[in-house]
């Protein structure tokens, strides 16, 4: 089954920007297909191609090359590239790389996540300044400081938050998890459950469970389930 899924993923991805694209989408995508496109969020089958063209910008007409592909159970992971050439000799002008995850149901792609390094406009403003690089933890009679780079994950404990660090220690913050989240870098620290935040830099791998849920496996081996209501964080993890 894994090989069949890989062939299906190859067919519809490699059909991009070719005359075979409509037929490939009809054959490979489920009727209730939904895809997550950078800058657009979750879109249905009918809006997918239009949204991807907008997101790809100048690379919209470039054909896709599958650099790597792997399958596990009902999911296929791909490493993709889009290349633009110019000149009579076809010199490479620029390229874009990304990755995707296809989730299958009944032999067709039912859910798709796409992430790529979006080309930046030279006139675009510089990225916003990163959040504070350390947290202040207050307790009776003392104030402690914790570098955010040392945080692996955070979970809620009633009105407090427990901060788990890379050295295996747990620090209790006398404030709710939402207050901790507001002080962390939103690009690095991702909410994957109403009571859980993870450091994307510490995610070793993503695993698809037999129940269809994604599990983030951290550097320490800690396994944390990504809530279905927070599944839109997956593209950020894949591109992290």
Protein backbone atom coordinates (compact mmCIF):
# COMPACT_ATOMS: atom_id res chain seq x y z
CA UNK A 1 0.00 0.00 0.00
CA UNK A 2 2.85 2.40 0.77
CA UNK A 3 4.23 2.05 -2.76
CA UNK A 4 0.78 2.72 -4.22
CA UNK A 5 0.47 5.85 -2.08
CA UNK A 6 3.90 7.03 -3.23
CA UNK A 7 2.92 6.57 -6.88
CA UNK A 8 -0.27 8.56 -6.31
CA UNK A 9 1.64 11.37 -4.59
CA UNK A 10 4.18 11.44 -7.40
CA UNK A 11 1.47 11.62 -10.03
CA UNK A 12 -0.40 14.61 -8.68
CA UNK A 13 2.65 16.59 -7.54
CA UNK A 14 4.58 16.09 -10.79
CA UNK A 15 1.50 17.11 -12.78
CA UNK A 16 1.80 20.67 -11.47
CA UNK A 17 1.96 23.27 -14.28
CA UNK A 18 1.47 20.58 -16.96
CA UNK A 19 -1.52 19.70 -19.17
CA UNK A 20 -1.99 16.55 -17.08
CA UNK A 21 -2.78 18.52 -13.92
CA UNK A 22 -6.63 18.45 -14.08
CA UNK A 23 -6.80 14.72 -14.77
CA UNK A 24 -4.22 13.95 -12.07
CA UNK A 25 -6.11 15.95 -9.47
CA UNK A 26 -9.37 14.24 -10.42
CA UNK A 27 -7.77 10.79 -10.10
CA UNK A 28 -5.66 11.36 -6.99
CA UNK A 29 -7.54 13.73 -4.68
CA UNK A 30 -10.51 12.81 -2.52
CA UNK A 31 -13.75 14.69 -3.16
CA UNK A 32 -13.49 16.30 0.29
CA UNK A 33 -9.75 17.00 -0.08
CA UNK A 34 -8.35 19.91 1.90
CA UNK A 35 -4.88 21.38 1.69
CA UNK A 36 -2.94 23.81 3.87
CA UNK A 37 -1.26 26.47 1.72
CA UNK A 38 1.19 29.05 3.14
CA UNK A 39 -0.56 32.39 3.45
CA UNK A 40 -4.01 30.90 2.83
CA UNK A 41 -4.55 28.28 5.52
CA UNK A 42 -6.85 25.34 4.85
CA UNK A 43 -8.57 25.39 1.44
CA UNK A 44 -10.76 22.92 -0.43
CA UNK A 45 -9.96 21.03 -3.60
CA UNK A 46 -11.41 23.68 -5.90
CA UNK A 47 -9.41 26.56 -4.40
CA UNK A 48 -6.14 24.66 -3.88
CA UNK A 49 -4.43 25.23 -7.25
CA UNK A 50 -5.37 28.92 -7.31
CA UNK A 51 -4.06 29.49 -3.79
CA UNK A 52 -0.80 27.62 -4.51
CA UNK A 53 -0.21 29.72 -7.64
CA UNK A 54 -0.64 32.87 -5.57
CA UNK A 55 1.64 31.58 -2.81
CA UNK A 56 4.38 30.46 -5.24
CA UNK A 57 4.48 33.83 -6.98
CA UNK A 58 7.10 33.76 -9.76
CA UNK A 59 7.55 30.00 -9.27
CA UNK A 60 3.91 29.24 -10.11
CA UNK A 61 4.79 28.17 -13.66
CA UNK A 62 7.81 26.09 -12.62
CA UNK A 63 7.54 22.33 -12.68
CA UNK A 64 7.95 20.38 -9.48
CA UNK A 65 10.86 18.01 -8.87
CA UNK A 66 10.48 15.42 -6.13
CA UNK A 67 13.85 15.26 -4.38
CA UNK A 68 12.88 12.72 -1.73
CA UNK A 69 9.78 10.66 -0.95
CA UNK A 70 8.93 8.34 1.92
CA UNK A 71 5.75 6.57 2.99
CA UNK A 72 4.53 5.34 6.35
CA UNK A 73 1.09 3.83 6.91
CA UNK A 74 -1.44 6.25 5.41
CA UNK A 75 0.95 9.19 4.96
CA UNK A 76 3.55 10.18 2.35
CA UNK A 77 6.28 12.77 3.04
CA UNK A 78 7.95 14.58 0.14
CA UNK A 79 10.84 17.00 -0.34
CA UNK A 80 10.08 19.23 -3.33
CA UNK A 81 11.82 21.86 -5.44
CA UNK A 82 10.65 24.35 -8.03
CA UNK A 83 13.30 25.69 -10.43
CA UNK A 84 13.19 28.64 -12.80
CA UNK A 85 15.62 28.82 -15.71
CA UNK A 86 16.47 31.66 -18.03
CA UNK A 87 18.60 32.14 -21.07
CA UNK A 88 19.00 30.00 -24.17
CA UNK A 89 21.24 27.51 -22.38
CA UNK A 90 18.80 27.05 -19.54
CA UNK A 91 21.03 28.40 -16.78
CA UNK A 92 19.40 28.11 -13.39
CA UNK A 93 18.07 31.47 -12.29
CA UNK A 94 16.62 30.57 -8.92
CA UNK A 95 14.97 27.74 -7.09
CA UNK A 96 12.53 27.17 -4.28
CA UNK A 97 12.51 24.20 -1.95
CA UNK A 98 9.79 22.90 0.30
CA UNK A 99 8.17 19.83 1.72
CA UNK A 100 4.73 18.29 1.86
CA UNK A 101 2.77 15.63 3.70
CA UNK A 102 -0.08 13.77 2.00
CA UNK A 103 -2.55 11.85 4.17
CA UNK A 104 -4.53 9.14 2.41
CA UNK A 105 -7.99 7.72 2.79
CA UNK A 106 -9.33 4.94 0.56
CA UNK A 107 -6.39 5.30 -1.83
CA UNK A 108 -6.74 9.05 -2.42
CA UNK A 109 -5.16 12.11 -0.87
CA UNK A 110 -7.61 13.49 1.70
CA UNK A 111 -5.37 15.99 3.49
CA UNK A 112 -2.24 17.81 2.33
CA UNK A 113 0.22 20.10 4.07
CA UNK A 114 2.58 22.28 2.03
CA UNK A 115 5.51 24.33 3.30
CA UNK A 116 8.16 26.17 1.30
CA UNK A 117 10.79 28.88 1.69
CA UNK A 118 8.83 31.73 0.21
CA UNK A 119 11.00 34.10 -1.87
CA UNK A 120 11.33 37.48 -0.21
CA UNK A 121 10.67 40.77 -1.95
CA UNK A 122 13.77 42.94 -1.81
CA UNK A 123 11.56 45.87 -0.78
CA UNK A 124 9.88 43.96 2.01
CA UNK A 125 10.41 45.27 5.53
CA UNK A 126 12.85 43.41 7.78
CA UNK A 127 11.37 40.73 10.02
CA UNK A 128 10.03 41.81 13.37
CA UNK A 129 12.37 41.70 16.33
CA UNK A 130 12.38 38.37 18.12
CA UNK A 131 10.79 38.01 21.52
CA UNK A 132 12.84 38.19 24.70
CA UNK A 133 15.58 35.57 24.90
CA UNK A 134 14.89 34.84 28.57
CA UNK A 135 11.94 34.47 30.89
CA UNK A 136 11.63 35.97 34.34
CA UNK A 137 10.25 33.51 36.89
CA UNK A 138 9.06 34.99 40.15
CA UNK A 139 8.45 33.13 43.37
CA UNK A 140 8.30 34.10 47.03
CA UNK A 141 11.45 36.02 47.93
CA UNK A 142 13.29 35.40 44.66
CA UNK A 143 13.40 36.12 40.94
CA UNK A 144 14.87 33.59 38.53
CA UNK A 145 15.86 33.87 34.87
CA UNK A 146 15.56 31.15 32.25
CA UNK A 147 16.92 31.28 28.70
CA UNK A 148 14.14 30.52 26.22
CA UNK A 149 16.58 28.51 24.08
CA UNK A 150 16.76 26.01 26.97
CA UNK A 151 12.98 25.41 26.98
CA UNK A 152 11.82 22.17 25.33
CA UNK A 153 8.10 22.32 26.12
CA UNK A 154 5.55 23.91 28.42
CA UNK A 155 2.32 22.49 29.83
CA UNK A 156 -0.49 23.88 31.93
CA UNK A 157 -1.10 22.86 35.55
CA UNK A 158 -4.33 24.58 36.58
CA UNK A 159 -3.44 28.28 36.95
CA UNK A 160 0.29 27.61 36.76
CA UNK A 161 2.57 26.58 33.92
CA UNK A 162 5.31 23.94 34.05
CA UNK A 163 8.36 24.72 31.94
CA UNK A 164 10.42 21.67 30.92
CA UNK A 165 14.01 22.39 29.94
CA UNK A 166 16.59 20.52 27.89
CA UNK A 167 18.50 19.48 31.00
CA UNK A 168 15.51 17.48 32.22
CA UNK A 169 14.41 19.95 34.89
CA UNK A 170 10.91 21.32 35.41
CA UNK A 171 10.30 24.91 36.52
CA UNK A 172 6.93 26.08 37.82
CA UNK A 173 5.76 29.52 36.73
CA UNK A 174 3.08 31.11 38.89
CA UNK A 175 1.09 32.32 35.91
CA UNK A 176 -1.18 30.69 33.30
CA UNK A 177 0.22 29.13 30.15
CA UNK A 178 -1.27 31.92 28.03
CA UNK A 179 0.88 34.50 29.81
CA UNK A 180 3.98 32.38 29.15
CA UNK A 181 3.03 32.00 25.49
CA UNK A 182 2.69 35.78 25.09
CA UNK A 183 6.32 36.22 26.18
CA UNK A 184 7.78 33.58 23.85
CA UNK A 185 8.84 33.81 20.21
CA UNK A 186 5.73 32.77 18.25
CA UNK A 187 7.88 31.50 15.36
CA UNK A 188 9.77 29.09 17.59
CA UNK A 189 7.26 28.16 20.29
CA UNK A 190 4.05 26.64 18.95
CA UNK A 191 0.82 25.87 20.74
CA UNK A 192 -0.17 22.31 19.77
CA UNK A 193 -2.86 21.84 22.42
CA UNK A 194 -4.78 24.18 24.69
CA UNK A 195 -2.46 23.06 27.50
CA UNK A 196 0.80 22.44 25.60
CA UNK A 197 3.47 24.58 23.90
CA UNK A 198 6.54 23.09 22.22
CA UNK A 199 9.86 24.47 21.05
CA UNK A 200 9.86 23.73 17.30
CA UNK A 201 13.66 23.56 17.33
CA UNK A 202 13.41 20.56 19.68
CA UNK A 203 11.08 18.49 17.49
CA UNK A 204 13.01 15.43 16.33
CA UNK A 205 10.25 13.92 14.22
CA UNK A 206 6.51 13.85 13.57
CA UNK A 207 4.68 10.55 13.74
CA UNK A 208 1.25 9.70 12.42
CA UNK A 209 -0.60 7.52 14.94
CA UNK A 210 -2.98 4.72 14.10
CA UNK A 211 -5.84 7.02 15.16
CA UNK A 212 -4.89 9.62 12.55
CA UNK A 213 -3.38 12.05 15.06
CA UNK A 214 0.08 13.56 14.71
CA UNK A 215 2.56 13.08 17.55
CA UNK A 216 5.55 15.38 18.01
CA UNK A 217 8.61 13.52 19.32
CA UNK A 218 11.01 15.87 21.06
CA UNK A 219 14.78 15.68 21.51
CA UNK A 220 14.33 14.18 24.99
CA UNK A 221 12.05 11.47 23.63
CA UNK A 222 8.93 13.13 25.07
CA UNK A 223 5.88 12.36 22.91
CA UNK A 224 3.17 15.01 22.66
CA UNK A 225 -0.05 14.70 20.66
CA UNK A 226 -0.98 17.59 18.37
CA UNK A 227 -4.63 18.40 18.97
CA UNK A 228 -6.84 18.36 15.88
CA UNK A 229 -7.93 21.92 16.61
CA UNK A 230 -4.27 23.01 16.47
CA UNK A 231 -3.34 21.03 13.35
CA UNK A 232 -2.72 24.26 11.45
CA UNK A 233 0.60 24.40 13.38
CA UNK A 234 1.87 21.40 11.39
CA UNK A 235 3.22 23.39 8.44
CA UNK A 236 5.34 25.47 10.81
CA UNK A 237 6.75 22.28 12.32
CA UNK A 238 7.51 20.74 8.96
CA UNK A 239 9.34 23.86 7.88
CA UNK A 240 11.04 24.41 11.18
